Every structure is written in structure tokens, then in C-alpha cells.
Protein backbone atom coordinates (compact mmCIF):
# COMPACT_ATOMS: atom_id res chain seq x y z
CA MET A 1 0.19 0.03 -0.01
CA LEU A 2 1.27 3.43 -1.08
CA ASP A 3 2.36 5.57 1.92
CA ASN A 4 1.53 9.60 2.00
CA VAL A 5 4.56 10.58 0.28
CA MET A 6 4.28 8.02 -2.57
CA LEU A 7 0.47 9.23 -3.14
CA MET A 8 1.51 12.84 -3.09
CA SER A 9 3.90 12.10 -5.47
CA VAL A 10 1.49 10.00 -7.97
CA ALA A 11 -0.90 12.92 -7.54
CA ALA A 12 1.69 15.61 -8.52
CA GLY A 13 2.80 13.41 -11.45
CA PHE A 14 -0.66 13.00 -12.67
CA CYS A 15 -0.97 16.86 -13.06
CA THR A 16 0.94 16.55 -16.07
CA THR A 17 -1.70 14.80 -17.79
CA ILE A 18 -4.53 17.49 -16.03
CA GLY A 19 -2.35 20.16 -17.82
CA ALA A 20 -2.94 18.17 -21.16
CA MET A 21 -6.47 17.90 -20.60
CA VAL A 22 -6.95 21.37 -19.62
CA LEU A 23 -5.30 22.31 -23.14
CA PHE A 24 -8.04 20.15 -24.71
CA MET A 25 -10.83 22.07 -23.26
CA LYS A 26 -9.32 25.55 -23.33
CA ARG A 27 -6.33 26.47 -25.44
CA ASN A 28 -6.10 30.20 -24.84
CA TRP A 29 -5.30 31.30 -20.94
CA SER A 30 -4.90 35.15 -20.21
CA LYS A 31 -1.67 35.94 -19.64
CA GLY A 32 -2.45 37.46 -16.14
CA SER A 33 -3.92 34.06 -14.92
CA LEU A 34 -0.66 31.96 -16.31
CA ALA A 35 1.53 34.81 -14.67
CA ALA A 36 -0.19 34.32 -11.24
CA PHE A 37 -0.24 30.59 -11.65
CA LEU A 38 3.38 30.27 -12.04
CA GLY A 39 4.25 33.04 -9.57
CA LEU A 40 2.53 30.87 -7.07
CA ALA A 41 4.37 27.77 -7.74
CA ALA A 42 7.83 29.70 -7.57
CA GLY A 43 6.87 31.77 -4.26
CA VAL A 44 5.93 28.14 -2.56
CA MET A 45 9.14 26.52 -3.92
CA VAL A 46 11.40 29.45 -2.75
CA ALA A 47 9.65 29.58 0.60
CA VAL A 48 9.89 25.70 1.27
CA VAL A 49 13.71 26.09 0.65
CA ILE A 50 14.49 28.92 2.58
CA LEU A 51 12.00 28.11 5.56
CA ASP A 52 12.25 24.36 5.80
CA MET A 53 14.74 22.59 3.55
CA MET A 54 17.93 24.27 4.01
CA PRO A 55 17.72 25.21 7.53
CA SER A 56 17.11 21.54 8.43
CA ALA A 57 19.92 20.36 6.11
CA LEU A 58 22.74 23.24 7.32
CA LEU A 59 21.94 22.52 11.06
CA SER A 60 22.61 18.84 10.31
CA ASN A 61 25.77 19.36 8.13
CA TYR A 62 26.40 22.34 6.90
CA LYS A 63 29.29 21.27 4.47
CA ALA A 64 26.95 18.75 3.09
CA ALA A 65 24.09 20.79 2.52
CA THR A 66 26.22 23.24 0.70
CA TRP A 67 27.60 20.83 -1.71
CA GLY A 68 24.69 18.87 -2.26
CA MET A 69 22.78 22.32 -3.21
CA VAL A 70 26.02 22.77 -5.63
CA LEU A 71 25.75 19.23 -7.15
CA GLY A 72 21.81 19.77 -7.58
CA LEU A 73 22.34 23.11 -9.37
CA ALA A 74 25.06 21.60 -11.33
CA ALA A 75 23.30 18.46 -12.53
CA ILE A 76 20.02 20.30 -13.61
CA TRP A 77 22.04 22.84 -15.46
CA CYS A 78 24.15 20.42 -17.16
CA SER A 79 20.82 18.64 -18.15
CA ASP A 80 19.13 21.90 -19.39
CA ARG A 81 22.40 22.59 -21.60
CA TRP A 82 22.21 19.21 -23.27
CA LEU A 83 18.38 19.36 -23.84
CA GLY A 84 19.07 23.20 -25.25
CA GLN A 85 21.51 21.84 -27.91
CA LYS A 86 19.03 19.06 -28.72
CA MET A 87 16.21 21.23 -29.07
CA GLN A 88 18.19 23.54 -31.86
CA GLY A 89 16.62 21.87 -34.81
CA PRO A 90 13.62 19.91 -34.36
CA GLU A 91 11.98 19.79 -38.14
CA THR A 92 8.26 18.90 -36.91
CA LEU A 93 5.75 19.67 -34.41
CA LEU A 94 5.77 16.11 -33.16
CA GLY A 95 9.65 16.20 -32.66
CA LEU A 96 9.50 19.30 -30.64
CA GLY A 97 6.61 17.65 -28.45
CA TYR A 98 8.95 14.74 -27.79
CA LEU A 99 11.99 16.68 -26.91
CA ILE A 100 10.00 18.75 -24.60
CA MET A 101 8.53 15.53 -23.05
CA LEU A 102 12.09 14.45 -22.62
CA GLY A 103 13.40 17.41 -20.80
CA ILE A 104 10.46 17.23 -18.62
CA ALA A 105 10.93 13.66 -17.61
CA MET A 106 14.45 14.62 -16.78
CA HIS A 107 13.13 17.07 -14.51
CA ASP A 108 10.44 15.17 -12.76
CA LEU A 109 12.68 12.28 -11.49
CA PRO A 110 14.58 14.77 -9.15
CA GLU A 111 11.27 16.57 -8.37
CA GLY A 112 10.04 13.48 -6.95
CA MET A 113 13.18 13.08 -4.75
CA ALA A 114 12.44 16.61 -3.55
CA ILE A 115 9.00 15.51 -2.26
CA ALA A 116 10.57 12.67 -0.60
CA MET A 117 13.30 14.74 1.07
CA GLY A 118 10.55 17.02 2.19
CA GLY A 119 8.23 14.36 3.48
CA GLU A 120 11.17 13.07 5.51
CA LEU A 121 11.46 16.59 7.30
CA LYS A 122 7.46 17.03 8.27
CA ALA A 123 4.72 15.68 6.45
CA ARG A 124 3.54 19.26 5.79
CA THR A 125 6.77 20.06 3.99
CA GLY A 126 6.48 17.03 1.84
CA MET A 127 2.82 17.92 0.90
CA VAL A 128 3.74 21.67 0.00
CA ILE A 129 6.45 20.76 -2.13
CA ALA A 130 4.03 18.20 -3.94
CA LEU A 131 1.62 20.72 -4.29
CA ALA A 132 4.16 23.29 -5.72
CA ILE A 133 5.35 20.87 -8.33
CA ALA A 134 1.79 19.68 -9.24
CA ILE A 135 1.23 23.45 -9.95
CA HIS A 136 4.18 23.45 -12.00
CA ASN A 137 3.58 20.21 -13.63
CA ILE A 138 0.10 21.50 -15.33
CA PRO A 139 1.73 24.02 -17.86
CA GLU A 140 3.96 21.38 -18.24
CA GLY A 141 1.60 18.90 -19.53
CA MET A 142 0.19 21.62 -21.71
CA ALA A 143 3.80 22.24 -23.20
CA ILE A 144 3.89 18.51 -23.93
CA ALA A 145 0.50 18.39 -25.37
CA ALA A 146 0.46 21.37 -27.75
CA PRO A 147 2.88 20.66 -30.33
CA LEU A 148 1.70 16.90 -30.34
CA LEU A 149 -1.74 17.90 -31.00
CA MET A 150 -0.95 20.39 -33.90
CA GLY A 151 1.04 17.70 -35.43
CA GLY A 152 -1.85 15.61 -35.40
CA GLN A 153 -1.53 13.06 -32.73
CA ARG A 154 -4.65 11.68 -31.33
CA ARG A 155 -5.69 13.04 -28.02
CA LEU A 156 -6.14 9.43 -26.13
CA PHE A 157 -2.32 8.82 -27.14
CA ILE A 158 -1.12 12.19 -25.74
CA LEU A 159 -3.25 11.41 -22.67
CA LEU A 160 -1.30 8.16 -22.32
CA GLN A 161 2.06 9.56 -22.74
CA THR A 162 1.97 12.38 -20.34
CA ALA A 163 0.55 9.70 -17.99
CA ALA A 164 3.56 7.49 -18.51
CA ILE A 165 5.49 10.94 -17.81
CA GLY A 166 3.79 11.33 -14.61
CA LEU A 167 5.03 8.07 -13.10
CA ILE A 168 8.50 9.56 -13.11
CA THR A 169 7.67 11.68 -10.32
CA PRO A 170 6.64 8.92 -8.01
CA LEU A 171 9.62 6.95 -9.20
CA GLY A 172 12.13 9.70 -8.06
CA SER A 173 10.24 9.63 -4.58
CA ALA A 174 10.80 5.86 -4.51
CA ILE A 175 14.55 6.31 -5.31
CA GLY A 176 14.77 9.23 -2.68
CA LYS A 177 12.91 7.16 0.00
CA LEU A 178 15.17 4.10 -0.92
CA SER A 179 18.63 6.10 -0.68
CA LEU A 180 17.46 7.41 2.79
CA ALA A 181 16.74 3.71 4.04
CA VAL A 182 20.21 2.65 2.87
CA LEU A 183 22.08 5.44 3.65
CA PRO A 184 20.41 7.75 6.19
CA GLN A 185 23.41 10.04 6.52
CA MET A 186 22.79 11.33 3.13
CA LEU A 187 19.83 13.42 4.18
CA PRO A 188 22.05 16.70 4.37
CA TRP A 189 23.42 15.73 0.85
CA LEU A 190 20.09 15.07 -0.47
CA LEU A 191 18.16 17.81 1.14
CA GLY A 192 20.86 20.37 -0.53
CA PHE A 193 20.60 18.48 -3.60
CA ALA A 194 16.74 18.92 -3.82
CA SER A 195 16.99 22.53 -2.52
CA GLY A 196 19.34 23.27 -5.59
CA ILE A 197 17.02 21.80 -8.52
CA MET A 198 13.87 23.43 -6.75
CA LEU A 199 15.84 27.01 -6.76
CA TYR A 200 16.96 26.36 -10.41
CA LEU A 201 13.63 25.59 -11.59
CA VAL A 202 12.37 28.88 -9.90
CA MET A 203 15.45 31.36 -11.33
CA PHE A 204 15.36 29.63 -14.66
CA GLN A 205 12.00 28.20 -15.57
CA LEU A 206 9.23 29.27 -13.35
CA TRP A 207 10.06 32.93 -12.79
CA PRO A 208 11.44 33.94 -16.46
CA HIS A 209 8.15 31.96 -17.82
CA ALA A 210 5.91 34.00 -15.56
CA SER A 211 7.85 37.19 -16.46
CA ALA A 212 7.55 36.65 -19.96
CA GLN A 213 3.73 36.97 -19.63
CA ARG A 214 4.30 40.59 -19.03
CA SER A 215 1.63 40.89 -16.29
CA SER A 216 2.39 42.18 -12.56
CA ARG A 217 0.00 39.17 -11.27
CA ARG A 218 3.08 37.24 -11.22
CA TRP A 219 4.26 39.08 -8.29
CA ILE A 220 0.69 38.64 -6.53
CA GLY A 221 1.20 34.96 -7.14
CA LEU A 222 4.76 35.09 -5.80
CA CYS A 223 3.99 36.90 -2.51
CA ALA A 224 0.98 34.74 -1.94
CA GLY A 225 3.25 31.68 -2.31
CA ILE A 226 5.68 32.83 0.07
CA LEU A 227 2.82 34.17 2.70
CA ILE A 228 1.24 30.72 2.47
CA ILE A 229 4.30 28.69 3.45
CA THR A 230 5.35 31.40 6.01
CA LEU A 231 2.13 31.30 7.94
CA ALA A 232 2.05 27.26 7.77
CA THR A 233 5.54 27.47 9.50
CA PHE A 234 5.25 29.91 11.93
CA LEU A 235 1.58 29.18 13.14
């Protein structure tokens, strides 16, 4: 039977499929709504890292936590660089869709690990990380589905593919839980690693995409996300 962390990971991963379904129903979102949506996810992730994950990791072993964060940032930066080179010449919409799918799959694995790391600290921390990743996964599902749909692929097949991508998030959580069970002393390293990944996603994906909408609502979403986690932490 699945525990709470795995259930949250499954739900967060399934939001990729929900994103595709939303695209099928409504293709045009207002820039303000999308900016607020992405800003909220960014605010939640930043607050969780600053208020929960990194303080716990630093108090446990500040050197391991720092190096873990550096490794997390480096790993996802290298991943994005490699994908950026591959993305330069897709000749078809289907090719573009599959490259986007590959990139999201590579991000979903460490995101699942982040949920497991948060859940190891507190159930609430794992829950809010899963919520932020779930919010993040909805536009990702839309990004996968759009070129595949325009490339002529059937909607049912698109949904099946996004569902398969969604399973990578709980796979990452399972790997994170197994790592902690086998090597519990790795917790500060893994917390730092997950924090680095989450900060990278905020700085180089969520916030740039929110800013591209040219709407001040991104700041409302950001502040709301930070406020929610701050209140949950101190109240």
C-alpha cells in the first residue's frame, strides 16, 4: 500500500496529464492568470527551500548541505544545456513535442526526490513541495500536448504519454526514500541537492516564464506563495 509521500508524488505527477486535458478544453489562457499561476508555484518553492529544507540540512551538516545544493544546481544546469542543444533543430511539431517530453521527464525524477526529502522532514513540507510541483506540472503537460496535438497526434495517445511521464515523479520519490533507508547519513546531501534543483526551477523556468507573460500578477502569485508557506511554518 502506498504511503502518503508516494500518494502525493503520484498526484503531483498526474497533474501533467491534467495539463494536457486542460489544453484540450481551453487552449487560450489569459497572460495574467498564467503569470499568477506560475508565480504562486515559484513562491511556494522558494519559501519551502528557505524556511524548511535548507535550515534543516545546514543544521545537520552545513558542508554536506552546501555541496549538495551545488551538485543539484550543476546537475540540472547540465541537463538543461544538453537539452538546449538538442532542441535547436527539431523539424516537426511531433519532434518538438517529444523533446519537450524528454526534458520534463528529466526534471520530474529529481522533483520526485524533492518530495521524498521534504516528507522526511515533516509531512506538511512534503505536501507543500508536492503542491508546488503539481502546479508546475500543469503548464508542463500543456507544453507537451500542444505541439503533439498540432502535429496530428490523437488526444487519447497524448493523454497516455503524459500519464507515463507522470509516473516518473513517484519513481523519483521511491529512489529518494530508498536512498534514505540505505544511507540515512545522506539526508543533508539529498536535502541540499533537492533544494538546488528547486531553486534552479524557480530562477530559470518558473519565474522567467511568469515574467514573459508581462503581467504584474506574477508578483501577487509569488507573494501569495511565500505568505502561505510562512504562515504554515510559524503558526
